[in-house]
C-alpha cells in the first residue's frame, strides 16, 4: 500500500464518520420514524442501510461518470450542491406533510367520553380514545408502506458532498484500484455511522417513559424532520 493510498483511506474513514455525525439529516429521520411507526430493530436497520446505500451510490455514480468523461471538479460540485438543495426541500415537504397528518391523528385520538344506557335505565360514561390501530387503521397502513420509499428517494437525491472533490478525484490520479478502495472505505464509514447513531438513539428512546406522549408521536416526528430540512437549507448543516 502506497503512502498516498494510506492517507486517503484514513481521510475517507474520518470524513465518512464526521460528515455523517454532524449531519442530523443522516439519522434523525430514521430515529423519529422508528419511534413513531414502532418499527422493529431489524426494520429500522434495514431501512437505514438501504437509504444509506442509495445516498452513497448516487454520488459514486456521478463521480465515476465525471472521472471517466473528464468533467471538471467544480462542475460536479455544482451538480452535488443542486441535488443537495432538492433533497433538503423534499425533506421539508415530507416533514410538513407528516406533521400535518400527525396533528390530525393527535386530534382524532384525543380522549373523549361515550355515554351508554342500560336496560335498567342506568346511564354511565367512560373515557375513550381512537388509537391508530382502531378505526383509522387504513391511514396507518398507507403511511407505513409509503414512508420508507419517501425516505429512500430523499436520500438518493441527497449528495455526499466531500466524496467527489476530496476523495474520488485525488484517488483517481493514482489508480482505479485506489479509487475503488477509497470509495468503499468512505461508504462503509458513512453507513456504519448512520446505523450506529440510529440504533443507539433508538435504544435510548425506548428506555424513556414516553407513554403519555404516544398520542403526539407522529406530530413530533413530522416536526423533527421539518426542522431538520429547514436547518439544512437555512443553517447549512
Protein backbone atom coordinates (compact mmCIF):
# COMPACT_ATOMS: atom_id res chain seq x y z
CA UNK A 1 0.00 0.00 0.00
CA UNK A 2 1.37 3.37 -1.00
CA UNK A 3 1.61 6.28 1.42
CA UNK A 4 -0.86 8.22 -0.72
CA UNK A 5 -3.44 5.45 -0.57
CA UNK A 6 -2.95 5.02 3.18
CA UNK A 7 -3.51 8.73 3.74
CA UNK A 8 -6.61 8.71 1.53
CA UNK A 9 -8.05 5.69 3.40
CA UNK A 10 -7.61 7.43 6.76
CA UNK A 11 -9.12 10.61 5.31
CA UNK A 12 -12.05 8.72 3.78
CA UNK A 13 -12.87 6.92 7.06
CA UNK A 14 -12.56 10.14 9.07
CA UNK A 15 -14.67 12.24 6.71
CA UNK A 16 -17.28 9.49 6.40
CA UNK A 17 -17.65 9.41 10.19
CA UNK A 18 -17.51 13.16 10.84
CA UNK A 19 -19.72 14.37 7.98
CA UNK A 20 -22.38 11.80 8.94
CA UNK A 21 -22.30 12.51 12.66
CA UNK A 22 -22.52 16.28 12.14
CA UNK A 23 -25.31 15.94 9.58
CA UNK A 24 -28.51 15.17 11.54
CA UNK A 25 -30.35 14.51 8.28
CA UNK A 26 -28.34 11.27 8.05
CA UNK A 27 -30.01 9.72 11.11
CA UNK A 28 -32.71 11.90 12.71
CA UNK A 29 -35.47 10.94 10.21
CA UNK A 30 -34.91 7.23 10.90
CA UNK A 31 -34.86 7.71 14.67
CA UNK A 32 -38.14 9.62 14.87
CA UNK A 33 -39.92 7.50 12.26
CA UNK A 34 -38.86 4.29 14.01
CA UNK A 35 -40.26 5.68 17.26
CA UNK A 36 -43.49 7.00 15.72
CA UNK A 37 -44.21 3.99 13.49
CA UNK A 38 -43.00 1.43 16.06
CA UNK A 39 -40.60 -0.19 13.61
CA UNK A 40 -38.72 -3.21 14.88
CA UNK A 41 -34.97 -3.00 15.31
CA UNK A 42 -34.43 -5.11 12.18
CA UNK A 43 -36.78 -3.00 10.07
CA UNK A 44 -35.18 0.22 11.29
CA UNK A 45 -31.70 -1.08 10.49
CA UNK A 46 -32.73 -2.34 7.04
CA UNK A 47 -34.40 0.93 6.04
CA UNK A 48 -31.43 2.94 7.33
CA UNK A 49 -28.98 0.67 5.49
CA UNK A 50 -30.83 0.79 2.17
CA UNK A 51 -31.23 4.56 2.33
CA UNK A 52 -27.52 4.82 3.12
CA UNK A 53 -26.71 2.69 0.06
CA UNK A 54 -28.87 4.95 -2.12
CA UNK A 55 -27.25 8.03 -0.59
CA UNK A 56 -23.71 6.79 -1.35
CA UNK A 57 -24.46 5.16 -4.72
CA UNK A 58 -25.89 8.30 -6.33
CA UNK A 59 -22.73 10.31 -5.60
CA UNK A 60 -20.50 7.40 -6.61
CA UNK A 61 -22.21 7.10 -9.99
CA UNK A 62 -21.88 10.83 -10.65
CA UNK A 63 -18.25 10.77 -9.50
CA UNK A 64 -17.28 7.83 -11.72
CA UNK A 65 -19.02 9.39 -14.72
CA UNK A 66 -17.24 12.68 -14.10
CA UNK A 67 -13.85 10.97 -13.91
CA UNK A 68 -14.44 8.77 -16.99
CA UNK A 69 -15.71 11.68 -19.08
CA UNK A 70 -13.15 14.15 -17.80
CA UNK A 71 -15.60 16.60 -16.29
CA UNK A 72 -14.22 19.45 -14.21
CA UNK A 73 -14.42 19.03 -10.46
CA UNK A 74 -16.24 22.34 -9.99
CA UNK A 75 -18.98 21.23 -12.36
CA UNK A 76 -19.60 18.09 -10.30
CA UNK A 77 -19.55 20.12 -7.09
CA UNK A 78 -22.27 22.34 -8.56
CA UNK A 79 -24.32 19.27 -9.51
CA UNK A 80 -24.00 17.88 -5.99
CA UNK A 81 -24.98 21.23 -4.49
CA UNK A 82 -28.08 21.34 -6.69
CA UNK A 83 -29.01 17.80 -5.67
CA UNK A 84 -28.50 18.74 -2.05
CA UNK A 85 -30.97 21.60 -2.35
CA UNK A 86 -33.56 19.27 -3.90
CA UNK A 87 -33.08 16.72 -1.11
CA UNK A 88 -33.41 19.39 1.58
CA UNK A 89 -36.67 20.74 0.15
CA UNK A 90 -38.02 17.20 -0.25
CA UNK A 91 -37.21 16.62 3.42
CA UNK A 92 -39.05 19.83 4.33
CA UNK A 93 -42.07 18.84 2.25
CA UNK A 94 -42.19 15.35 3.74
CA UNK A 95 -41.79 16.68 7.27
CA UNK A 96 -44.54 19.26 6.76
CA UNK A 97 -46.98 16.74 5.30
CA UNK A 98 -46.24 14.21 8.03
CA UNK A 99 -46.54 16.89 10.71
CA UNK A 100 -49.98 17.93 9.45
CA UNK A 101 -51.04 14.26 9.30
CA UNK A 102 -49.70 13.76 12.82
CA UNK A 103 -51.62 16.79 14.07
CA UNK A 104 -54.78 15.33 12.55
CA UNK A 105 -54.09 11.97 14.21
CA UNK A 106 -53.45 13.62 17.58
CA UNK A 107 -56.77 15.45 17.33
CA UNK A 108 -58.70 12.35 16.28
CA UNK A 109 -57.11 10.25 19.03
CA UNK A 110 -57.86 12.72 21.82
CA UNK A 111 -59.63 11.21 24.87
CA UNK A 112 -63.41 11.74 24.86
CA UNK A 113 -66.48 10.37 26.63
CA UNK A 114 -69.14 7.94 25.47
CA UNK A 115 -72.50 7.51 27.21
CA UNK A 116 -74.16 4.10 27.45
CA UNK A 117 -77.77 3.41 28.51
CA UNK A 118 -78.63 0.01 30.00
CA UNK A 119 -81.93 -1.83 30.28
CA UNK A 120 -82.27 -0.69 33.88
CA UNK A 121 -82.20 2.92 32.60
CA UNK A 122 -78.81 3.32 34.18
CA UNK A 123 -76.51 5.60 32.15
CA UNK A 124 -72.75 5.65 32.57
CA UNK A 125 -69.85 7.29 30.75
CA UNK A 126 -66.31 6.20 30.09
CA UNK A 127 -63.27 7.88 28.62
CA UNK A 128 -62.34 6.53 25.21
CA UNK A 129 -59.83 7.31 22.51
CA UNK A 130 -59.39 6.05 18.93
CA UNK A 131 -55.91 4.65 18.52
CA UNK A 132 -54.25 4.22 15.13
CA UNK A 133 -54.97 0.50 15.21
CA UNK A 134 -58.71 1.09 15.71
CA UNK A 135 -60.93 2.93 13.25
CA UNK A 136 -58.06 4.67 11.47
CA UNK A 137 -56.08 1.60 10.53
CA UNK A 138 -56.30 2.41 6.81
CA UNK A 139 -54.48 5.71 7.26
CA UNK A 140 -51.76 3.94 9.20
CA UNK A 141 -51.30 1.24 6.57
CA UNK A 142 -50.79 3.80 3.81
CA UNK A 143 -48.20 5.67 5.84
CA UNK A 144 -46.29 2.52 6.75
CA UNK A 145 -45.98 1.46 3.10
CA UNK A 146 -45.11 4.88 1.73
CA UNK A 147 -42.73 6.26 4.36
CA UNK A 148 -39.65 4.05 3.67
CA UNK A 149 -39.90 4.77 -0.07
CA UNK A 150 -40.16 8.50 0.54
CA UNK A 151 -37.07 8.39 2.73
CA UNK A 152 -35.21 6.33 0.13
CA UNK A 153 -35.98 8.83 -2.65
CA UNK A 154 -34.89 11.74 -0.47
CA UNK A 155 -31.60 10.02 0.35
CA UNK A 156 -30.91 9.15 -3.28
CA UNK A 157 -31.18 12.86 -4.09
CA UNK A 158 -29.02 13.74 -1.08
CA UNK A 159 -25.34 14.01 -2.09
CA UNK A 160 -22.19 13.09 -0.19
CA UNK A 161 -20.57 16.49 -0.73
CA UNK A 162 -16.96 15.62 0.25
CA UNK A 163 -16.78 12.32 -1.63
CA UNK A 164 -16.08 13.51 -5.18
CA UNK A 165 -13.76 16.53 -4.79
CA UNK A 166 -11.84 15.46 -1.68
CA UNK A 167 -11.59 11.69 -2.16
CA UNK A 168 -12.56 10.33 -5.58
CA UNK A 169 -10.66 12.75 -7.80
CA UNK A 170 -7.38 12.57 -5.81
CA UNK A 171 -7.61 8.76 -5.65
CA UNK A 172 -8.24 8.56 -9.40
CA UNK A 173 -4.92 10.33 -10.01
CA UNK A 174 -3.14 7.26 -8.63
CA UNK A 175 -5.09 4.26 -9.97
CA UNK A 176 -8.53 2.79 -10.45
CA UNK A 177 -7.89 0.41 -7.54
CA UNK A 178 -7.17 3.36 -5.24
CA UNK A 179 -10.39 4.99 -6.40
CA UNK A 180 -12.44 1.88 -5.65
CA UNK A 181 -10.82 1.28 -2.25
CA UNK A 182 -11.27 4.88 -1.08
CA UNK A 183 -14.90 4.90 -2.24
CA UNK A 184 -15.65 1.65 -0.38
CA UNK A 185 -13.98 2.92 2.81
CA UNK A 186 -15.94 6.17 2.72
CA UNK A 187 -19.23 4.39 2.02
CA UNK A 188 -18.64 1.84 4.78
CA UNK A 189 -17.76 4.52 7.34
CA UNK A 190 -20.79 6.60 6.38
CA UNK A 191 -23.33 3.78 6.54
CA UNK A 192 -21.80 2.32 9.73
CA UNK A 193 -22.05 5.73 11.41
CA UNK A 194 -25.66 6.11 10.26
CA UNK A 195 -26.57 2.69 11.64
CA UNK A 196 -24.73 3.30 14.91
CA UNK A 197 -26.35 6.69 15.51
CA UNK A 198 -29.83 5.40 14.63
CA UNK A 199 -29.74 2.18 16.62
CA UNK A 200 -28.12 3.69 19.73
CA UNK A 201 -30.57 6.61 19.75
CA UNK A 202 -33.50 4.25 19.15
CA UNK A 203 -32.46 2.10 22.12
CA UNK A 204 -32.16 5.20 24.30
CA UNK A 205 -35.60 6.48 23.33
CA UNK A 206 -37.18 3.11 24.09
CA UNK A 207 -35.86 3.35 27.65
CA UNK A 208 -37.59 6.67 28.29
CA UNK A 209 -41.10 6.87 29.87
CA UNK A 210 -42.85 8.39 26.86
CA UNK A 211 -46.21 6.61 27.08
CA UNK A 212 -48.06 9.88 27.74
CA UNK A 213 -46.63 11.32 24.51
CA UNK A 214 -47.83 8.40 22.38
CA UNK A 215 -50.72 10.43 21.01
CA UNK A 216 -48.29 13.00 19.62
CA UNK A 217 -45.58 10.72 18.22
CA UNK A 218 -46.42 11.37 14.55
CA UNK A 219 -46.68 15.11 15.16
CA UNK A 220 -43.29 15.12 16.89
CA UNK A 221 -41.73 13.00 14.13
CA UNK A 222 -43.02 15.25 11.35
CA UNK A 223 -41.94 18.41 13.19
CA UNK A 224 -38.44 16.98 13.78
CA UNK A 225 -38.00 16.10 10.10
CA UNK A 226 -39.32 19.52 9.05
CA UNK A 227 -36.87 21.31 11.36
CA UNK A 228 -34.05 19.09 10.09
CA UNK A 229 -34.77 20.12 6.50
CA UNK A 230 -35.05 23.79 7.44
CA UNK A 231 -31.70 23.59 9.26
CA UNK A 232 -30.06 22.23 6.11
CA UNK A 233 -31.48 24.98 3.90
CA UNK A 234 -31.04 27.96 6.20
CA UNK A 235 -28.20 26.94 8.51
CA UNK A 236 -26.16 24.86 6.06
CA UNK A 237 -26.00 21.78 8.29
